[in-house]
Amino acid sequence: MKPILYVGNINYSSWSLRPYIALRWAGIDFDMVEVNLDQPGYGDYAIAEILAFNPAGKVPALRVGAAVIADSLAISEWASETGSSLYPQDPLARALVRSAVAEMHSGFAAVRRDLSMNIRRRCKAFGLPADTVRDIARLDALFAGHRKHAAEGPFLFGQRTVADAFFTPVATRFRTYGIELSADAQAYCDTLLADAAFLAWEQMVLAQPATGFSRANIDRLYT
């Protein structure tokens, strides 16, 4: 039986996009089930449909046999260890990748708050608070730093890694809200948004009817 990746609304769920890309890059054959988060229990981790397969009440979650892996990073680590590795062989390089992943996994709260993932939408953000501007500047510097690995490939550390899977949703946010980046950072974002795994996800989004999300302000930002 193939693993099953449970995800939230694919237009909005950045946490779900990350392990989807990691699984695709690792060459794992899996099925995907999308759960509509716009229903009672959203925000309280109390959606009954999710609790049925994950007692934590969260997506993404990956069912592998009788086991459920219930975190985007844990799923991505499993994918890298089970399929094609998404980490460099050199221990120091691996540590640097994990450092970047950890910064994304636990940080950039202001960008998450003010630039929600919304793949369908195009608008121009304005009046961003200082902490969001700082987050954007840090991400720009981090993305631009990939140029030192340009001889090895176009991703953050040359070849694609878990870090690139984790930063792909940020690239979509910058595109959605018209965030201006340095040339090198924009080139990195363009690389992520041109990747086949992301394009497959985007096509799934665009194939769905355009429906808003009633339980959050995602579709009404900057209007």
C-alpha atoms as a PDB file:
ATOM      1  CA  MET A   1       0.000   0.000   0.000  1.00  0.00           C
ATOM      2  CA  LYS A   2       1.372   3.406  -0.964  1.00  0.00           C
ATOM      3  CA  PRO A   3       1.930   6.099   1.667  1.00  0.00           C
ATOM      4  CA  ILE A   4      -0.890   8.638   1.875  1.00  0.00           C
ATOM      5  CA  LEU A   5      -0.101  12.329   2.286  1.00  0.00           C
ATOM      6  CA  TYR A   6      -2.955  14.256   3.885  1.00  0.00           C
ATOM      7  CA  VAL A   7      -2.825  17.962   3.066  1.00  0.00           C
ATOM      8  CA  GLY A   8      -4.857  21.088   3.678  1.00  0.00           C
ATOM      9  CA  ASN A   9      -6.361  23.335   0.984  1.00  0.00           C
ATOM     10  CA  ILE A  10      -3.663  23.295  -1.670  1.00  0.00           C
ATOM     11  CA  ASN A  11      -4.086  26.961  -2.597  1.00  0.00           C
ATOM     12  CA  TYR A  12      -3.331  28.053   0.954  1.00  0.00           C
ATOM     13  CA  SER A  13      -1.454  25.364   2.882  1.00  0.00           C
ATOM     14  CA  SER A  14       2.252  26.158   2.824  1.00  0.00           C
ATOM     15  CA  TRP A  15       2.929  23.458   5.397  1.00  0.00           C
ATOM     16  CA  SER A  16       1.424  20.883   3.021  1.00  0.00           C
ATOM     17  CA  LEU A  17       3.346  22.018  -0.045  1.00  0.00           C
ATOM     18  CA  ARG A  18       6.745  21.430   1.590  1.00  0.00           C
ATOM     19  CA  PRO A  19       6.499  17.660   2.179  1.00  0.00           C
ATOM     20  CA  TYR A  20       4.710  17.167  -1.140  1.00  0.00           C
ATOM     21  CA  ILE A  21       7.758  18.576  -2.917  1.00  0.00           C
ATOM     22  CA  ALA A  22      10.175  16.610  -0.743  1.00  0.00           C
ATOM     23  CA  LEU A  23       8.333  13.362  -1.450  1.00  0.00           C
ATOM     24  CA  ARG A  24       8.305  14.086  -5.188  1.00  0.00           C
ATOM     25  CA  TRP A  25      12.001  14.954  -5.237  1.00  0.00           C
ATOM     26  CA  ALA A  26      12.888  11.844  -3.237  1.00  0.00           C
ATOM     27  CA  GLY A  27      11.067   9.685  -5.771  1.00  0.00           C
ATOM     28  CA  ILE A  28       8.495   8.352  -3.304  1.00  0.00           C
ATOM     29  CA  ASP A  29       5.307   6.967  -4.861  1.00  0.00           C
ATOM     30  CA  PHE A  30       2.399   8.220  -2.750  1.00  0.00           C
ATOM     31  CA  ASP A  31      -1.267   9.127  -2.852  1.00  0.00           C
ATOM     32  CA  MET A  32      -2.575  12.492  -1.675  1.00  0.00           C
ATOM     33  CA  VAL A  33      -5.812  13.372   0.098  1.00  0.00           C
ATOM     34  CA  GLU A  34      -6.842  17.022   0.397  1.00  0.00           C
ATOM     35  CA  VAL A  35      -8.803  18.028   3.487  1.00  0.00           C
ATOM     36  CA  ASN A  36     -10.859  21.219   3.400  1.00  0.00           C
ATOM     37  CA  LEU A  37      -9.728  23.292   6.383  1.00  0.00           C
ATOM     38  CA  ASP A  38     -12.551  25.806   5.965  1.00  0.00           C
ATOM     39  CA  GLN A  39     -14.889  24.003   8.350  1.00  0.00           C
ATOM     40  CA  PRO A  40     -15.740  23.919  12.067  1.00  0.00           C
ATOM     41  CA  GLY A  41     -12.697  23.261  14.233  1.00  0.00           C
ATOM     42  CA  TYR A  42     -10.266  25.261  12.074  1.00  0.00           C
ATOM     43  CA  GLY A  43      -7.768  27.152  14.247  1.00  0.00           C
ATOM     44  CA  ASP A  44      -8.380  24.873  17.230  1.00  0.00           C
ATOM     45  CA  TYR A  45      -6.926  21.683  15.687  1.00  0.00           C
ATOM     46  CA  ALA A  46     -10.384  20.198  16.111  1.00  0.00           C
ATOM     47  CA  ILE A  47     -11.480  19.318  12.569  1.00  0.00           C
ATOM     48  CA  ALA A  48     -13.066  15.887  12.939  1.00  0.00           C
ATOM     49  CA  GLU A  49     -11.894  14.711   9.510  1.00  0.00           C
ATOM     50  CA  ILE A  50      -8.260  15.330  10.500  1.00  0.00           C
ATOM     51  CA  LEU A  51      -8.579  13.921  14.018  1.00  0.00           C
ATOM     52  CA  ALA A  52      -9.670  10.661  12.421  1.00  0.00           C
ATOM     53  CA  PHE A  53      -6.124  10.067  11.111  1.00  0.00           C
ATOM     54  CA  ASN A  54      -3.986  12.407  13.228  1.00  0.00           C
ATOM     55  CA  PRO A  55      -4.747  12.876  16.939  1.00  0.00           C
ATOM     56  CA  ALA A  56      -2.782  16.155  16.859  1.00  0.00           C
ATOM     57  CA  GLY A  57      -5.468  17.561  14.565  1.00  0.00           C
ATOM     58  CA  LYS A  58      -2.980  18.911  12.033  1.00  0.00           C
ATOM     59  CA  VAL A  59      -2.022  18.500   8.408  1.00  0.00           C
ATOM     60  CA  PRO A  60       0.179  17.622   6.664  1.00  0.00           C
ATOM     61  CA  ALA A  61       0.376  14.067   7.878  1.00  0.00           C
ATOM     62  CA  LEU A  62       1.780  11.025   6.106  1.00  0.00           C
ATOM     63  CA  ARG A  63       0.324   7.582   6.706  1.00  0.00           C
ATOM     64  CA  VAL A  64       2.884   4.833   6.130  1.00  0.00           C
ATOM     65  CA  GLY A  65       1.230   1.504   6.848  1.00  0.00           C
ATOM     66  CA  ALA A  66      -0.174   1.793  10.364  1.00  0.00           C
ATOM     67  CA  ALA A  67       2.118   4.698  11.286  1.00  0.00           C
ATOM     68  CA  VAL A  68       1.339   8.401  10.893  1.00  0.00           C
ATOM     69  CA  ILE A  69       4.142  10.935  10.504  1.00  0.00           C
ATOM     70  CA  ALA A  70       2.606  14.221  11.582  1.00  0.00           C
ATOM     71  CA  ASP A  71       4.924  17.095  10.737  1.00  0.00           C
ATOM     72  CA  SER A  72       6.192  18.613   7.483  1.00  0.00           C
ATOM     73  CA  LEU A  73       9.840  18.356   8.508  1.00  0.00           C
ATOM     74  CA  ALA A  74       9.508  14.806   9.820  1.00  0.00           C
ATOM     75  CA  ILE A  75       7.819  13.766   6.567  1.00  0.00           C
ATOM     76  CA  SER A  76      10.566  15.414   4.525  1.00  0.00           C
ATOM     77  CA  GLU A  77      13.282  13.719   6.598  1.00  0.00           C
ATOM     78  CA  TRP A  78      11.575  10.355   6.099  1.00  0.00           C
ATOM     79  CA  ALA A  79      11.366  10.988   2.364  1.00  0.00           C
ATOM     80  CA  SER A  80      15.078  11.816   2.200  1.00  0.00           C
ATOM     81  CA  GLU A  81      16.024   8.710   4.184  1.00  0.00           C
ATOM     82  CA  THR A  82      13.648   6.390   2.302  1.00  0.00           C
ATOM     83  CA  GLY A  83      14.133   7.603  -1.270  1.00  0.00           C
ATOM     84  CA  SER A  84      16.737   9.767  -2.969  1.00  0.00           C
ATOM     85  CA  SER A  85      18.645  11.798  -0.398  1.00  0.00           C
ATOM     86  CA  LEU A  86      17.793  15.483  -0.149  1.00  0.00           C
ATOM     87  CA  TYR A  87      20.872  16.341   1.894  1.00  0.00           C
ATOM     88  CA  PRO A  88      24.542  16.733   0.889  1.00  0.00           C
ATOM     89  CA  GLN A  89      26.989  13.983   1.830  1.00  0.00           C
ATOM     90  CA  ASP A  90      29.400  16.326   3.586  1.00  0.00           C
ATOM     91  CA  PRO A  91      28.499  16.602   7.307  1.00  0.00           C
ATOM     92  CA  LEU A  92      29.104  20.362   7.467  1.00  0.00           C
ATOM     93  CA  ALA A  93      27.057  20.975   4.331  1.00  0.00           C
ATOM     94  CA  ARG A  94      24.253  18.842   5.789  1.00  0.00           C
ATOM     95  CA  ALA A  95      24.347  20.895   8.965  1.00  0.00           C
ATOM     96  CA  LEU A  96      24.093  24.123   6.966  1.00  0.00           C
ATOM     97  CA  VAL A  97      21.073  22.782   5.083  1.00  0.00           C
ATOM     98  CA  ARG A  98      19.432  21.761   8.351  1.00  0.00           C
ATOM     99  CA  SER A  99      20.190  25.193   9.795  1.00  0.00           C
ATOM    100  CA  ALA A 100      18.353  26.843   6.904  1.00  0.00           C
ATOM    101  CA  VAL A 101      15.446  24.416   7.220  1.00  0.00           C
ATOM    102  CA  ALA A 102      15.194  25.027  10.966  1.00  0.00           C
ATOM    103  CA  GLU A 103      15.172  28.797  10.442  1.00  0.00           C
ATOM    104  CA  MET A 104      12.236  28.433   8.065  1.00  0.00           C
ATOM    105  CA  HIS A 105      10.432  25.803  10.128  1.00  0.00           C
ATOM    106  CA  SER A 106      10.373  27.884  13.294  1.00  0.00           C
ATOM    107  CA  GLY A 107      10.894  31.463  12.098  1.00  0.00           C
ATOM    108  CA  PHE A 108       9.629  34.258   9.876  1.00  0.00           C
ATOM    109  CA  ALA A 109       6.427  34.639  11.881  1.00  0.00           C
ATOM    110  CA  ALA A 110       5.760  38.102  10.458  1.00  0.00           C
ATOM    111  CA  VAL A 111       5.889  36.888   6.851  1.00  0.00           C
ATOM    112  CA  ARG A 112       3.545  34.050   7.775  1.00  0.00           C
ATOM    113  CA  ARG A 113       1.171  36.559   9.390  1.00  0.00           C
ATOM    114  CA  ASP A 114       1.152  39.239   6.689  1.00  0.00           C
ATOM    115  CA  LEU A 115       1.902  37.301   3.482  1.00  0.00           C
ATOM    116  CA  SER A 116      -0.223  34.162   3.681  1.00  0.00           C
ATOM    117  CA  MET A 117       0.267  31.644   0.906  1.00  0.00           C
ATOM    118  CA  ASN A 118      -2.364  32.151  -1.802  1.00  0.00           C
ATOM    119  CA  ILE A 119      -1.130  30.665  -5.062  1.00  0.00           C
ATOM    120  CA  ARG A 120      -4.028  31.939  -7.192  1.00  0.00           C
ATOM    121  CA  ARG A 121      -3.836  35.551  -6.096  1.00  0.00           C
ATOM    122  CA  ARG A 122      -1.814  38.507  -7.427  1.00  0.00           C
ATOM    123  CA  CYS A 123      -1.823  41.827  -5.589  1.00  0.00           C
ATOM    124  CA  LYS A 124       0.590  44.382  -4.122  1.00  0.00           C
ATOM    125  CA  ALA A 125       1.308  44.372  -0.407  1.00  0.00           C
ATOM    126  CA  PHE A 126       1.514  47.777   1.250  1.00  0.00           C
ATOM    127  CA  GLY A 127       2.081  49.224   4.688  1.00  0.00           C
ATOM    128  CA  LEU A 128       4.018  46.204   5.904  1.00  0.00           C
ATOM    129  CA  PRO A 129       5.129  46.489   9.549  1.00  0.00           C
ATOM    130  CA  ALA A 130       8.785  46.664  10.505  1.00  0.00           C
ATOM    131  CA  ASP A 131       9.067  43.039  11.604  1.00  0.00           C
ATOM    132  CA  THR A 132       7.731  41.845   8.245  1.00  0.00           C
ATOM    133  CA  VAL A 133      10.172  44.077   6.379  1.00  0.00           C
ATOM    134  CA  ARG A 134      12.986  42.590   8.491  1.00  0.00           C
ATOM    135  CA  ASP A 135      11.840  39.054   7.692  1.00  0.00           C
ATOM    136  CA  ILE A 136      11.782  39.855   3.967  1.00  0.00           C
ATOM    137  CA  ALA A 137      15.282  41.348   4.150  1.00  0.00           C
ATOM    138  CA  ARG A 138      16.600  38.270   5.944  1.00  0.00           C
ATOM    139  CA  LEU A 139      15.003  35.947   3.400  1.00  0.00           C
ATOM    140  CA  ASP A 140      16.400  38.018   0.540  1.00  0.00           C
ATOM    141  CA  ALA A 141      19.898  37.744   2.006  1.00  0.00           C
ATOM    142  CA  LEU A 142      19.464  34.022   2.565  1.00  0.00           C
ATOM    143  CA  PHE A 143      18.200  33.445  -0.953  1.00  0.00           C
ATOM    144  CA  ALA A 144      20.868  35.619  -2.553  1.00  0.00           C
ATOM    145  CA  GLY A 145      23.522  33.596  -0.717  1.00  0.00           C
ATOM    146  CA  HIS A 146      22.789  30.629  -2.981  1.00  0.00           C
ATOM    147  CA  ARG A 147      24.857  32.277  -5.704  1.00  0.00           C
ATOM    148  CA  LYS A 148      28.026  31.078  -3.993  1.00  0.00           C
ATOM    149  CA  HIS A 149      26.890  27.563  -4.949  1.00  0.00           C
ATOM    150  CA  ALA A 150      25.954  28.548  -8.515  1.00  0.00           C
ATOM    151  CA  ALA A 151      28.629  26.323 -10.036  1.00  0.00           C
ATOM    152  CA  GLU A 152      26.974  23.286  -8.395  1.00  0.00           C
ATOM    153  CA  GLY A 153      23.394  24.109  -9.407  1.00  0.00           C
ATOM    154  CA  PRO A 154      20.698  26.803  -9.102  1.00  0.00           C
ATOM    155  CA  PHE A 155      19.282  25.823  -5.713  1.00  0.00           C
ATOM    156  CA  LEU A 156      20.187  27.206  -2.295  1.00  0.00           C
ATOM    157  CA  PHE A 157      23.056  24.750  -1.831  1.00  0.00           C
ATOM    158  CA  GLY A 158      23.610  23.946  -5.503  1.00  0.00           C
ATOM    159  CA  GLN A 159      21.570  20.760  -5.860  1.00  0.00           C
ATOM    160  CA  ARG A 160      18.041  20.673  -4.488  1.00  0.00           C
ATOM    161  CA  THR A 161      17.643  19.829  -0.816  1.00  0.00           C
ATOM    162  CA  VAL A 162      14.956  19.871   1.864  1.00  0.00           C
ATOM    163  CA  ALA A 163      15.766  23.569   2.307  1.00  0.00           C
ATOM    164  CA  ASP A 164      14.483  24.324  -1.192  1.00  0.00           C
ATOM    165  CA  ALA A 165      11.260  22.427  -0.509  1.00  0.00           C
ATOM    166  CA  PHE A 166      10.774  24.523   2.621  1.00  0.00           C
ATOM    167  CA  PHE A 167      11.420  27.841   0.891  1.00  0.00           C
ATOM    168  CA  THR A 168       9.175  27.164  -2.110  1.00  0.00           C
ATOM    169  CA  PRO A 169       6.023  28.437  -0.333  1.00  0.00           C
ATOM    170  CA  VAL A 170       7.882  31.659   0.484  1.00  0.00           C
ATOM    171  CA  ALA A 171       8.678  32.123  -3.202  1.00  0.00           C
ATOM    172  CA  THR A 172       4.951  31.841  -3.954  1.00  0.00           C
ATOM    173  CA  ARG A 173       4.171  34.445  -1.269  1.00  0.00           C
ATOM    174  CA  PHE A 174       6.653  36.917  -2.718  1.00  0.00           C
ATOM    175  CA  ARG A 175       5.088  36.420  -6.152  1.00  0.00           C
ATOM    176  CA  THR A 176       1.528  36.737  -4.846  1.00  0.00           C
ATOM    177  CA  TYR A 177       2.143  40.011  -3.027  1.00  0.00           C
ATOM    178  CA  GLY A 178       4.542  41.643  -5.494  1.00  0.00           C
ATOM    179  CA  ILE A 179       7.505  41.735  -3.109  1.00  0.00           C
ATOM    180  CA  GLU A 180      10.583  43.250  -4.731  1.00  0.00           C
ATOM    181  CA  LEU A 181      13.765  41.253  -4.207  1.00  0.00           C
ATOM    182  CA  SER A 182      17.398  41.547  -5.170  1.00  0.00           C
ATOM    183  CA  ALA A 183      18.277  40.060  -8.556  1.00  0.00           C
ATOM    184  CA  ASP A 184      19.944  36.980  -7.049  1.00  0.00           C
ATOM    185  CA  ALA A 185      17.090  36.301  -4.629  1.00  0.00           C
ATOM    186  CA  GLN A 186      14.548  36.686  -7.420  1.00  0.00           C
ATOM    187  CA  ALA A 187      16.509  34.273  -9.621  1.00  0.00           C
ATOM    188  CA  TYR A 188      16.370  31.703  -6.820  1.00  0.00           C
ATOM    189  CA  CYS A 189      12.616  32.187  -6.422  1.00  0.00           C
ATOM    190  CA  ASP A 190      12.201  31.802 -10.179  1.00  0.00           C
ATOM    191  CA  THR A 191      14.089  28.498  -9.987  1.00  0.00           C
ATOM    192  CA  LEU A 192      11.752  27.196  -7.280  1.00  0.00           C
ATOM    193  CA  LEU A 193       8.616  28.299  -9.121  1.00  0.00           C
ATOM    194  CA  ALA A 194       9.784  26.658 -12.358  1.00  0.00           C
ATOM    195  CA  ASP A 195      10.413  23.273 -10.724  1.00  0.00           C
ATOM    196  CA  ALA A 196       8.273  20.407 -12.053  1.00  0.00           C
ATOM    197  CA  ALA A 197       7.033  19.345  -8.616  1.00  0.00           C
ATOM    198  CA  PHE A 198       5.804  22.829  -7.793  1.00  0.00           C
ATOM    199  CA  LEU A 199       4.257  23.267 -11.243  1.00  0.00           C
ATOM    200  CA  ALA A 200       2.297  20.024 -10.748  1.00  0.00           C
ATOM    201  CA  TRP A 201       0.956  21.381  -7.436  1.00  0.00           C
ATOM    202  CA  GLU A 202       0.108  24.712  -9.043  1.00  0.00           C
ATOM    203  CA  GLN A 203      -1.771  22.969 -11.844  1.00  0.00           C
ATOM    204  CA  MET A 204      -3.835  21.096  -9.254  1.00  0.00           C
ATOM    205  CA  VAL A 205      -4.684  24.440  -7.651  1.00  0.00           C
ATOM    206  CA  LEU A 206      -5.687  26.042 -10.943  1.00  0.00           C
ATOM    207  CA  ALA A 207      -7.795  23.031 -11.907  1.00  0.00           C
ATOM    208  CA  GLN A 208     -10.015  23.570  -8.874  1.00  0.00           C
ATOM    209  CA  PRO A 209     -12.901  26.042  -8.765  1.00  0.00           C
ATOM    210  CA  ALA A 210     -11.787  29.349  -7.235  1.00  0.00           C
ATOM    211  CA  THR A 211     -13.332  29.455  -3.778  1.00  0.00           C
ATOM    212  CA  GLY A 212     -12.466  31.787  -0.917  1.00  0.00           C
ATOM    213  CA  PHE A 213     -11.480  30.843   2.620  1.00  0.00           C
ATOM    214  CA  SER A 214     -14.098  32.101   5.048  1.00  0.00           C
ATOM    215  CA  ARG A 215     -12.282  31.437   8.328  1.00  0.00           C
ATOM    216  CA  ALA A 216      -9.273  33.672   7.684  1.00  0.00           C
ATOM    217  CA  ASN A 217      -8.505  36.944   5.915  1.00  0.00           C
ATOM    218  CA  ILE A 218      -6.302  35.318   3.281  1.00  0.00           C
ATOM    219  CA  ASP A 219      -8.312  36.449   0.243  1.00  0.00           C
ATOM    220  CA  ARG A 220      -8.955  39.973   1.547  1.00  0.00           C
ATOM    221  CA  LEU A 221      -5.394  41.090   2.316  1.00  0.00           C
ATOM    222  CA  TYR A 222      -4.305  44.343   0.602  1.00  0.00           C
ATOM    223  CA  THR A 223      -7.601  45.143  -1.088  1.00  0.00           C
END
